[in-house]
Amino acid sequence: MEDYEIDLKKLQDMAASGRHSVFWVLGPTNTDIIKMNLEINEEVVALYPEQLLEEKNPKSIVGDEPILVCEHGITSGFLCKDLRKKGVNAYSLAGGIDGMRG
């Protein structure tokens, strides 16, 4: 696992702490389904990847330590690397939603 990748339990703990926001990074979707899959009560915000890649100040969108989630962990992992280069301590759910299914 990369240093920015976290497992489901860590994601749940971080989201529950109130210090980390959760973002679905594959565009608009029913975020209630994402919350149900992640087994969290906290809000999940849907974004397009381009919103983060093109933003000069991504902290204005995602804050200091966002958790990014996608289907397989590829897009969220790529975005984490990019955000960390821009000074945002981002995390990604390892394997994405699909990886949780085993």
N, C-alpha and C. Protein backbone atom coordinates (compact mmCIF):
# COMPACT_ATOMS: atom_id res chain seq x y z
N MET A 1 0.84 -1.19 0.00
CA MET A 1 0.00 0.00 0.00
C MET A 1 0.88 1.25 0.00
N GLU A 2 0.42 2.24 -0.73
CA GLU A 2 1.09 3.55 -0.72
C GLU A 2 0.78 4.26 0.59
N ASP A 3 1.59 5.25 0.94
CA ASP A 3 1.39 5.95 2.22
C ASP A 3 0.09 6.73 2.28
N TYR A 4 -0.49 7.06 1.14
CA TYR A 4 -1.76 7.79 1.13
C TYR A 4 -2.97 6.87 1.14
N GLU A 5 -2.77 5.56 0.99
CA GLU A 5 -3.88 4.61 0.95
C GLU A 5 -4.30 4.18 2.35
N ILE A 6 -5.60 4.11 2.55
CA ILE A 6 -6.13 3.68 3.84
C ILE A 6 -7.17 2.59 3.62
N ASP A 7 -7.38 1.77 4.64
CA ASP A 7 -8.40 0.73 4.52
C ASP A 7 -9.74 1.28 5.00
N LEU A 8 -10.78 0.47 4.89
CA LEU A 8 -12.13 0.92 5.22
C LEU A 8 -12.25 1.33 6.68
N LYS A 9 -11.68 0.56 7.59
CA LYS A 9 -11.78 0.88 9.02
C LYS A 9 -11.14 2.24 9.31
N LYS A 10 -9.98 2.48 8.73
CA LYS A 10 -9.30 3.77 8.92
C LYS A 10 -10.16 4.90 8.34
N LEU A 11 -10.74 4.69 7.16
CA LEU A 11 -11.62 5.69 6.56
C LEU A 11 -12.78 6.01 7.50
N GLN A 12 -13.41 4.97 8.03
CA GLN A 12 -14.55 5.17 8.93
C GLN A 12 -14.14 5.96 10.17
N ASP A 13 -13.00 5.61 10.75
CA ASP A 13 -12.52 6.31 11.94
C ASP A 13 -12.19 7.77 11.63
N MET A 14 -11.52 8.00 10.51
CA MET A 14 -11.15 9.37 10.13
C MET A 14 -12.39 10.21 9.85
N ALA A 15 -13.36 9.64 9.12
CA ALA A 15 -14.58 10.38 8.81
C ALA A 15 -15.36 10.71 10.09
N ALA A 16 -15.43 9.77 11.01
CA ALA A 16 -16.16 9.97 12.26
C ALA A 16 -15.51 11.02 13.15
N SER A 17 -14.21 11.25 12.98
CA SER A 17 -13.49 12.23 13.80
C SER A 17 -13.96 13.66 13.53
N GLY A 18 -14.55 13.88 12.35
CA GLY A 18 -15.00 15.22 11.99
C GLY A 18 -13.89 16.09 11.41
N ARG A 19 -12.68 15.58 11.33
CA ARG A 19 -11.55 16.35 10.80
C ARG A 19 -11.31 16.10 9.31
N HIS A 20 -11.98 15.09 8.75
CA HIS A 20 -11.75 14.69 7.37
C HIS A 20 -13.07 14.60 6.62
N SER A 21 -13.13 15.23 5.46
CA SER A 21 -14.30 15.12 4.61
C SER A 21 -14.08 14.01 3.59
N VAL A 22 -15.18 13.37 3.18
CA VAL A 22 -15.11 12.27 2.22
C VAL A 22 -15.64 12.75 0.88
N PHE A 23 -14.89 12.46 -0.18
CA PHE A 23 -15.25 12.91 -1.53
C PHE A 23 -15.29 11.73 -2.49
N TRP A 24 -16.39 11.60 -3.22
CA TRP A 24 -16.50 10.66 -4.33
C TRP A 24 -15.99 11.40 -5.54
N VAL A 25 -14.95 10.89 -6.21
CA VAL A 25 -14.27 11.68 -7.24
C VAL A 25 -14.53 11.18 -8.67
N LEU A 26 -15.71 10.64 -8.90
CA LEU A 26 -16.07 10.23 -10.26
C LEU A 26 -17.31 10.95 -10.77
N GLY A 27 -17.55 12.15 -10.25
CA GLY A 27 -18.67 12.95 -10.71
C GLY A 27 -19.95 12.65 -9.96
N PRO A 28 -21.05 13.26 -10.40
CA PRO A 28 -22.32 13.15 -9.70
C PRO A 28 -22.80 11.70 -9.56
N THR A 29 -23.31 11.39 -8.41
CA THR A 29 -23.87 10.07 -8.13
C THR A 29 -24.78 10.18 -6.93
N ASN A 30 -25.47 9.14 -6.60
CA ASN A 30 -26.28 9.11 -5.39
C ASN A 30 -25.33 8.84 -4.23
N THR A 31 -24.95 9.89 -3.53
CA THR A 31 -23.95 9.74 -2.46
C THR A 31 -24.49 8.95 -1.27
N ASP A 32 -25.81 8.81 -1.16
CA ASP A 32 -26.35 7.97 -0.09
C ASP A 32 -25.93 6.52 -0.28
N ILE A 33 -25.83 6.09 -1.53
CA ILE A 33 -25.37 4.72 -1.81
C ILE A 33 -23.91 4.57 -1.41
N ILE A 34 -23.11 5.59 -1.69
CA ILE A 34 -21.69 5.56 -1.31
C ILE A 34 -21.57 5.49 0.21
N LYS A 35 -22.33 6.32 0.91
CA LYS A 35 -22.31 6.30 2.38
C LYS A 35 -22.69 4.92 2.91
N MET A 36 -23.70 4.31 2.30
CA MET A 36 -24.14 2.99 2.73
C MET A 36 -23.02 1.96 2.51
N ASN A 37 -22.37 2.01 1.35
CA ASN A 37 -21.27 1.08 1.06
C ASN A 37 -20.10 1.27 2.02
N LEU A 38 -19.82 2.52 2.37
CA LEU A 38 -18.71 2.82 3.28
C LEU A 38 -19.09 2.63 4.75
N GLU A 39 -20.38 2.47 4.99
CA GLU A 39 -20.91 2.32 6.34
C GLU A 39 -20.53 3.50 7.23
N ILE A 40 -20.79 4.72 6.69
CA ILE A 40 -20.54 5.94 7.44
C ILE A 40 -21.82 6.78 7.47
N ASN A 41 -21.91 7.67 8.45
CA ASN A 41 -23.03 8.60 8.55
C ASN A 41 -22.68 9.98 8.00
N GLU A 42 -21.40 10.26 7.85
CA GLU A 42 -20.94 11.56 7.43
C GLU A 42 -21.26 11.81 5.95
N GLU A 43 -21.37 13.07 5.61
CA GLU A 43 -21.68 13.47 4.24
C GLU A 43 -20.57 13.03 3.29
N VAL A 44 -20.97 12.64 2.09
CA VAL A 44 -20.03 12.37 1.00
C VAL A 44 -20.34 13.37 -0.10
N VAL A 45 -19.32 14.08 -0.56
CA VAL A 45 -19.48 15.09 -1.60
C VAL A 45 -18.96 14.52 -2.92
N ALA A 46 -19.73 14.68 -3.98
CA ALA A 46 -19.33 14.19 -5.30
C ALA A 46 -18.64 15.29 -6.09
N LEU A 47 -17.50 14.96 -6.68
CA LEU A 47 -16.73 15.89 -7.50
C LEU A 47 -16.29 15.20 -8.78
N TYR A 48 -16.03 16.00 -9.81
CA TYR A 48 -15.35 15.50 -11.00
C TYR A 48 -13.85 15.58 -10.74
N PRO A 49 -13.05 14.63 -11.22
CA PRO A 49 -11.60 14.71 -11.02
C PRO A 49 -11.00 16.02 -11.54
N GLU A 50 -11.55 16.51 -12.65
CA GLU A 50 -11.03 17.73 -13.25
C GLU A 50 -11.13 18.93 -12.31
N GLN A 51 -12.14 18.92 -11.45
CA GLN A 51 -12.29 20.03 -10.51
C GLN A 51 -11.07 20.15 -9.62
N LEU A 52 -10.49 19.03 -9.26
CA LEU A 52 -9.31 19.06 -8.39
C LEU A 52 -8.03 19.28 -9.19
N LEU A 53 -7.95 18.68 -10.35
CA LEU A 53 -6.74 18.81 -11.16
C LEU A 53 -6.53 20.23 -11.67
N GLU A 54 -7.61 20.92 -11.99
CA GLU A 54 -7.51 22.26 -12.58
C GLU A 54 -7.48 23.36 -11.53
N GLU A 55 -7.82 23.06 -10.30
CA GLU A 55 -7.89 24.08 -9.25
C GLU A 55 -6.49 24.44 -8.75
N LYS A 56 -6.18 25.73 -8.77
CA LYS A 56 -4.88 26.19 -8.28
C LYS A 56 -4.78 26.08 -6.76
N ASN A 57 -5.90 26.21 -6.07
CA ASN A 57 -5.92 26.11 -4.61
C ASN A 57 -6.92 25.01 -4.20
N PRO A 58 -6.55 23.74 -4.36
CA PRO A 58 -7.50 22.67 -4.08
C PRO A 58 -7.97 22.61 -2.63
N LYS A 59 -7.19 23.18 -1.71
CA LYS A 59 -7.64 23.22 -0.31
C LYS A 59 -8.95 23.96 -0.16
N SER A 60 -9.21 24.89 -1.08
CA SER A 60 -10.46 25.65 -1.02
C SER A 60 -11.67 24.75 -1.32
N ILE A 61 -11.44 23.63 -1.97
CA ILE A 61 -12.51 22.69 -2.29
C ILE A 61 -12.58 21.54 -1.29
N VAL A 62 -11.42 20.94 -0.98
CA VAL A 62 -11.41 19.71 -0.18
C VAL A 62 -10.85 19.85 1.23
N GLY A 63 -10.30 20.99 1.57
CA GLY A 63 -9.71 21.16 2.89
C GLY A 63 -8.30 20.60 2.97
N ASP A 64 -7.80 20.43 4.19
CA ASP A 64 -6.40 20.03 4.41
C ASP A 64 -6.15 18.53 4.30
N GLU A 65 -7.11 17.70 4.73
CA GLU A 65 -6.89 16.25 4.78
C GLU A 65 -8.13 15.49 4.29
N PRO A 66 -8.44 15.61 3.00
CA PRO A 66 -9.63 14.93 2.48
C PRO A 66 -9.39 13.43 2.29
N ILE A 67 -10.49 12.70 2.25
CA ILE A 67 -10.47 11.28 1.91
C ILE A 67 -11.16 11.15 0.56
N LEU A 68 -10.45 10.61 -0.42
CA LEU A 68 -10.99 10.48 -1.76
C LEU A 68 -11.36 9.02 -2.03
N VAL A 69 -12.50 8.82 -2.66
CA VAL A 69 -12.99 7.47 -2.94
C VAL A 69 -13.45 7.41 -4.39
N CYS A 70 -13.17 6.29 -5.05
CA CYS A 70 -13.68 6.03 -6.39
C CYS A 70 -13.99 4.54 -6.50
N GLU A 71 -14.27 4.09 -7.70
CA GLU A 71 -14.69 2.70 -7.89
C GLU A 71 -13.58 1.69 -7.58
N HIS A 72 -12.37 1.92 -8.11
CA HIS A 72 -11.29 0.94 -7.97
C HIS A 72 -10.06 1.47 -7.24
N GLY A 73 -10.06 2.72 -6.85
CA GLY A 73 -8.91 3.31 -6.16
C GLY A 73 -7.88 3.91 -7.08
N ILE A 74 -8.09 3.81 -8.38
CA ILE A 74 -7.10 4.32 -9.34
C ILE A 74 -7.20 5.84 -9.47
N THR A 75 -8.39 6.34 -9.73
CA THR A 75 -8.58 7.79 -9.87
C THR A 75 -8.28 8.50 -8.56
N SER A 76 -8.79 7.98 -7.46
CA SER A 76 -8.54 8.63 -6.16
C SER A 76 -7.06 8.59 -5.81
N GLY A 77 -6.37 7.51 -6.14
CA GLY A 77 -4.93 7.43 -5.88
C GLY A 77 -4.16 8.44 -6.70
N PHE A 78 -4.50 8.55 -7.98
CA PHE A 78 -3.85 9.54 -8.85
C PHE A 78 -4.07 10.95 -8.31
N LEU A 79 -5.31 11.24 -7.90
CA LEU A 79 -5.62 12.57 -7.37
C LEU A 79 -4.88 12.83 -6.06
N CYS A 80 -4.74 11.81 -5.23
CA CYS A 80 -3.99 11.97 -3.97
C CYS A 80 -2.55 12.40 -4.23
N LYS A 81 -1.92 11.73 -5.18
CA LYS A 81 -0.54 12.09 -5.52
C LYS A 81 -0.46 13.54 -5.98
N ASP A 82 -1.39 13.94 -6.84
CA ASP A 82 -1.41 15.31 -7.35
C ASP A 82 -1.66 16.31 -6.21
N LEU A 83 -2.64 16.02 -5.37
CA LEU A 83 -2.96 16.92 -4.26
C LEU A 83 -1.81 17.04 -3.27
N ARG A 84 -1.14 15.95 -2.99
CA ARG A 84 -0.01 16.00 -2.06
C ARG A 84 1.12 16.87 -2.61
N LYS A 85 1.32 16.87 -3.92
CA LYS A 85 2.29 17.78 -4.54
C LYS A 85 1.89 19.23 -4.35
N LYS A 86 0.59 19.47 -4.19
CA LYS A 86 0.06 20.83 -4.01
C LYS A 86 -0.14 21.18 -2.54
N GLY A 87 0.37 20.35 -1.63
CA GLY A 87 0.32 20.66 -0.20
C GLY A 87 -0.93 20.19 0.53
N VAL A 88 -1.73 19.33 -0.11
CA VAL A 88 -2.93 18.80 0.53
C VAL A 88 -2.64 17.36 0.96
N ASN A 89 -2.81 17.06 2.23
CA ASN A 89 -2.53 15.74 2.77
C ASN A 89 -3.74 14.82 2.54
N ALA A 90 -3.91 14.40 1.28
CA ALA A 90 -5.07 13.62 0.87
C ALA A 90 -4.86 12.12 1.10
N TYR A 91 -5.97 11.42 1.29
CA TYR A 91 -5.97 9.97 1.48
C TYR A 91 -6.92 9.33 0.47
N SER A 92 -6.67 8.06 0.16
CA SER A 92 -7.48 7.32 -0.80
C SER A 92 -7.85 5.96 -0.21
N LEU A 93 -9.10 5.55 -0.41
CA LEU A 93 -9.52 4.22 0.01
C LEU A 93 -8.83 3.20 -0.89
N ALA A 94 -7.96 2.38 -0.32
CA ALA A 94 -7.22 1.38 -1.09
C ALA A 94 -8.18 0.43 -1.80
N GLY A 95 -8.03 0.32 -3.11
CA GLY A 95 -8.88 -0.57 -3.89
C GLY A 95 -10.26 -0.01 -4.20
N GLY A 96 -10.58 1.16 -3.67
CA GLY A 96 -11.87 1.79 -3.92
C GLY A 96 -13.04 0.98 -3.40
N ILE A 97 -14.22 1.37 -3.82
CA ILE A 97 -15.44 0.67 -3.41
C ILE A 97 -15.39 -0.80 -3.83
N ASP A 98 -14.88 -1.05 -5.03
CA ASP A 98 -14.81 -2.42 -5.54
C ASP A 98 -13.89 -3.29 -4.68
N GLY A 99 -12.81 -2.71 -4.18
CA GLY A 99 -11.86 -3.45 -3.36
C GLY A 99 -12.45 -3.91 -2.02
N MET A 100 -13.51 -3.25 -1.59
CA MET A 100 -14.16 -3.62 -0.32
C MET A 100 -14.94 -4.91 -0.49
N ARG A 101 -15.33 -5.21 -1.71
CA ARG A 101 -16.16 -6.39 -1.96
C ARG A 101 -15.36 -7.68 -1.99
N GLY A 102 -14.03 -7.52 -2.05
CA GLY A 102 -13.15 -8.68 -2.01
C GLY A 102 -13.00 -9.33 -3.26
